[in-house]
Protein backbone atom coordinates (compact mmCIF):
# COMPACT_ATOMS: atom_id res chain seq x y z
CA MET A 1 0.06 -0.06 -0.29
CA LYS A 2 1.36 3.48 -0.90
CA ASN A 3 0.60 6.46 0.96
CA ILE A 4 -0.45 9.86 -0.39
CA VAL A 5 -0.45 13.08 1.55
CA ILE A 6 -2.16 16.20 0.05
CA PHE A 7 -1.15 19.70 0.72
CA ALA A 8 -3.87 22.36 0.01
CA SER A 9 -4.41 25.75 1.00
CA GLY A 10 -7.95 26.66 -0.44
CA SER A 11 -11.08 25.40 -1.48
CA GLY A 12 -10.09 21.84 -1.88
CA SER A 13 -12.01 20.72 -4.94
CA ASN A 14 -8.97 18.95 -6.20
CA ALA A 15 -8.19 17.53 -2.73
CA GLU A 16 -11.69 15.92 -2.55
CA ASN A 17 -11.65 14.76 -5.96
CA ILE A 18 -8.30 12.95 -5.25
CA ILE A 19 -9.43 11.45 -1.70
CA LYS A 20 -12.68 10.12 -3.39
CA TYR A 21 -10.73 8.64 -6.52
CA PHE A 22 -8.58 6.60 -4.19
CA ARG A 23 -11.03 5.61 -1.50
CA ASN A 24 -11.47 1.97 -2.75
CA ASP A 25 -7.96 1.50 -4.26
CA SER A 26 -6.34 -1.50 -2.90
CA ARG A 27 -2.77 -0.17 -3.73
CA ASN A 28 -2.95 3.30 -2.95
CA ARG A 29 -4.45 5.68 -0.05
CA VAL A 30 -4.62 9.27 0.95
CA VAL A 31 -3.63 9.10 4.57
CA ALA A 32 -3.73 12.82 5.50
CA LEU A 33 -4.42 16.51 4.18
CA PHE A 34 -1.90 18.97 5.57
CA CYS A 35 -3.02 22.58 5.41
CA ASN A 36 -1.56 26.00 6.26
CA ARG A 37 -4.68 27.92 6.39
CA PRO A 38 -7.02 27.43 9.22
CA ASP A 39 -9.75 29.06 7.26
CA ALA A 40 -9.23 26.95 4.06
CA PHE A 41 -12.46 25.46 2.92
CA VAL A 42 -10.62 22.32 2.07
CA LEU A 43 -10.59 21.75 5.86
CA GLU A 44 -14.46 21.24 5.54
CA ARG A 45 -14.52 19.23 2.47
CA VAL A 46 -12.36 16.43 4.19
CA LYS A 47 -14.16 16.34 7.46
CA GLY A 48 -16.97 13.96 6.00
CA LEU A 49 -14.17 11.99 3.94
CA ASN A 50 -12.36 10.23 6.74
CA THR A 51 -9.18 11.87 6.30
CA PRO A 52 -7.42 13.49 8.94
CA ALA A 53 -6.12 16.87 8.47
CA PHE A 54 -3.00 18.56 10.05
CA LEU A 55 -2.83 22.31 10.43
CA PHE A 56 0.63 23.85 10.48
CA ASN A 57 2.04 27.49 10.09
CA ARG A 58 5.12 28.59 8.37
CA GLU A 59 7.58 27.81 11.21
CA ASP A 60 6.45 24.20 11.41
CA PHE A 61 7.07 23.99 7.69
CA VAL A 62 10.20 25.95 7.06
CA ALA A 63 12.17 26.33 10.45
CA SER A 64 11.26 23.30 12.46
CA ARG A 65 11.16 19.55 11.72
CA ARG A 66 7.48 19.22 12.72
CA VAL A 67 5.96 18.85 9.18
CA LEU A 68 8.75 16.56 7.95
CA GLU A 69 8.56 14.30 11.03
CA ARG A 70 4.70 13.94 10.65
CA LEU A 71 5.33 13.23 7.00
CA GLU A 72 7.74 10.49 7.91
CA ALA A 73 5.56 9.19 10.70
CA LEU A 74 2.69 8.62 8.11
CA LYS A 75 5.18 6.57 6.03
CA THR A 76 4.49 9.19 3.08
CA ASP A 77 5.19 7.64 -0.34
CA LEU A 78 3.94 10.73 -2.29
CA ILE A 79 3.24 14.27 -1.56
CA VAL A 80 0.65 15.80 -3.92
CA LEU A 81 0.24 19.61 -3.90
CA ALA A 82 -3.36 20.62 -4.76
CA GLY A 83 -3.63 24.16 -4.65
CA PHE A 84 -0.82 24.73 -2.05
CA LEU A 85 0.83 27.94 -2.66
CA TRP A 86 3.93 27.75 -0.49
CA LYS A 87 7.57 26.92 -1.77
CA VAL A 88 8.32 23.42 -0.27
CA PRO A 89 11.54 23.64 1.90
CA GLY A 90 14.58 21.73 0.83
CA ASN A 91 14.33 19.32 3.87
CA ILE A 92 11.28 17.96 2.55
CA LEU A 93 12.53 17.84 -1.04
CA GLU A 94 15.69 15.91 0.31
CA ALA A 95 13.45 13.44 2.23
CA PHE A 96 11.17 12.75 -0.71
CA PRO A 97 13.36 13.09 -3.82
CA GLY A 98 11.29 12.93 -6.96
CA ARG A 99 8.30 12.29 -4.92
CA VAL A 100 6.57 15.82 -4.53
CA ILE A 101 4.14 16.76 -7.35
CA ASN A 102 2.09 19.47 -8.24
CA ILE A 103 -0.67 20.83 -10.56
CA HIS A 104 -0.20 24.17 -12.20
CA PRO A 105 -3.21 25.85 -14.32
CA ALA A 106 -1.22 26.40 -17.36
CA LEU A 107 0.97 24.58 -19.81
CA LEU A 108 4.29 25.12 -18.43
CA PRO A 109 6.99 26.53 -19.05
CA ALA A 110 4.63 29.50 -19.97
CA HIS A 111 2.82 31.52 -17.26
CA GLY A 112 4.60 29.64 -14.12
CA GLY A 113 6.82 31.06 -11.24
CA LYS A 114 6.29 32.85 -8.17
CA GLY A 115 3.02 34.45 -7.82
CA MET A 116 1.70 32.74 -10.80
CA TYR A 117 -1.49 30.86 -9.52
CA GLY A 118 -5.32 30.98 -9.60
CA ALA A 119 -6.87 33.92 -11.57
CA ARG A 120 -3.33 35.52 -12.04
CA VAL A 121 -2.44 32.44 -14.38
CA HIS A 122 -5.66 32.85 -16.33
CA GLU A 123 -5.39 36.65 -16.66
CA ALA A 124 -1.85 36.09 -17.99
CA VAL A 125 -2.70 33.53 -20.53
CA ILE A 126 -5.54 35.84 -21.96
CA ALA A 127 -3.39 38.96 -21.88
CA ALA A 128 -0.65 37.14 -23.92
CA GLY A 129 -3.26 36.15 -26.58
CA ASP A 130 -2.33 32.14 -25.94
CA ARG A 131 -4.97 30.16 -28.09
CA GLU A 132 -4.45 26.97 -25.84
CA SER A 133 -3.88 26.75 -22.01
CA GLY A 134 -4.30 23.75 -19.81
CA ILE A 135 -2.83 22.07 -16.96
CA THR A 136 0.88 20.54 -16.20
CA ILE A 137 1.50 18.09 -13.44
CA HIS A 138 5.00 18.22 -12.53
CA ARG A 139 7.67 17.14 -9.79
CA VAL A 140 8.44 19.99 -7.51
CA ASN A 141 12.00 20.98 -7.18
CA GLU A 142 13.80 24.00 -5.34
CA ARG A 143 12.23 26.66 -7.93
CA TYR A 144 8.51 27.24 -8.58
CA ASP A 145 7.12 25.56 -11.39
CA GLU A 146 10.40 24.30 -12.93
CA GLY A 147 10.31 20.58 -11.93
CA GLU A 148 10.36 17.98 -14.31
CA MET A 149 6.97 17.62 -16.42
CA ILE A 150 5.03 14.35 -15.80
CA PHE A 151 1.75 15.37 -17.75
CA GLN A 152 0.01 18.13 -19.77
CA ALA A 153 -3.42 18.21 -20.94
CA SER A 154 -4.87 21.15 -22.97
CA CYS A 155 -8.03 23.34 -23.84
CA ASP A 156 -8.75 26.11 -26.29
CA VAL A 157 -8.75 29.44 -25.35
CA THR A 158 -11.27 31.33 -27.31
CA PRO A 159 -11.55 35.04 -27.96
CA ASP A 160 -14.41 35.42 -25.73
CA ASP A 161 -13.03 33.71 -22.85
CA THR A 162 -12.65 35.58 -19.47
CA PRO A 163 -10.48 34.67 -16.85
CA GLU A 164 -13.52 32.97 -15.08
CA SER A 165 -14.61 30.83 -17.94
CA LEU A 166 -11.00 30.09 -18.91
CA ALA A 167 -10.69 28.64 -15.12
CA GLU A 168 -13.77 26.47 -15.46
CA LYS A 169 -12.07 24.70 -18.54
CA ILE A 170 -8.82 24.19 -16.59
CA HIS A 171 -10.92 23.01 -13.45
CA ALA A 172 -12.57 20.29 -15.63
CA LEU A 173 -9.02 19.16 -16.65
CA GLU A 174 -7.82 19.08 -13.28
CA GLN A 175 -10.82 16.90 -12.02
CA ALA A 176 -10.68 14.49 -15.19
CA TYR A 177 -6.63 13.83 -15.09
CA PHE A 178 -5.17 14.65 -11.93
CA PRO A 179 -6.26 11.52 -9.93
CA GLY A 180 -5.34 9.11 -12.79
CA VAL A 181 -1.80 10.89 -13.41
CA ILE A 182 -1.18 10.32 -9.65
CA LYS A 183 -2.04 6.56 -9.78
CA ASP A 184 0.06 6.10 -12.98
CA PHE A 185 2.99 8.00 -11.08
CA LEU A 186 2.50 5.73 -8.14
CA ALA A 187 2.86 2.51 -10.14
CA GLY A 188 5.95 3.91 -11.26
CA LEU A 189 7.66 4.37 -7.77
């Protein structure tokens, strides 16, 4: 059995989708959700999903070993960032080499980097006149959105798209592909 830990900071629709996807999987399971925001809606979403939540602050994550020790105690095989905005510290990347993955709401390498998340990404795609956007699932390294790409899926950007309508298209891709890509990734570990 391979153990997945999800990190999330926001509403948690991807986290919920992943937890439900692996609920009856005999080889993989989500063992915990880690969250850095006490007001994040993801904490409400997981209450009914029988998934323990671990709340932490920046010191727990960066300056101490508290988060790392909890990950090790859970015998974590894979860390999945699902709407988590903080840069992962080196001690966690070293403890889980190549086993921290993230989803980005654009086709990297375009529209990535520090500060590029959520509506900001969709606004940048539209402002650039891109005819296509999508999702990129990638390994996490010490730089924002520069880790090795694992998977991409795309959608058209039409002249009448708004950041909100593009966000809906991207969300549909996330929901359709993210859990299956995680399962395939785990099969290769």
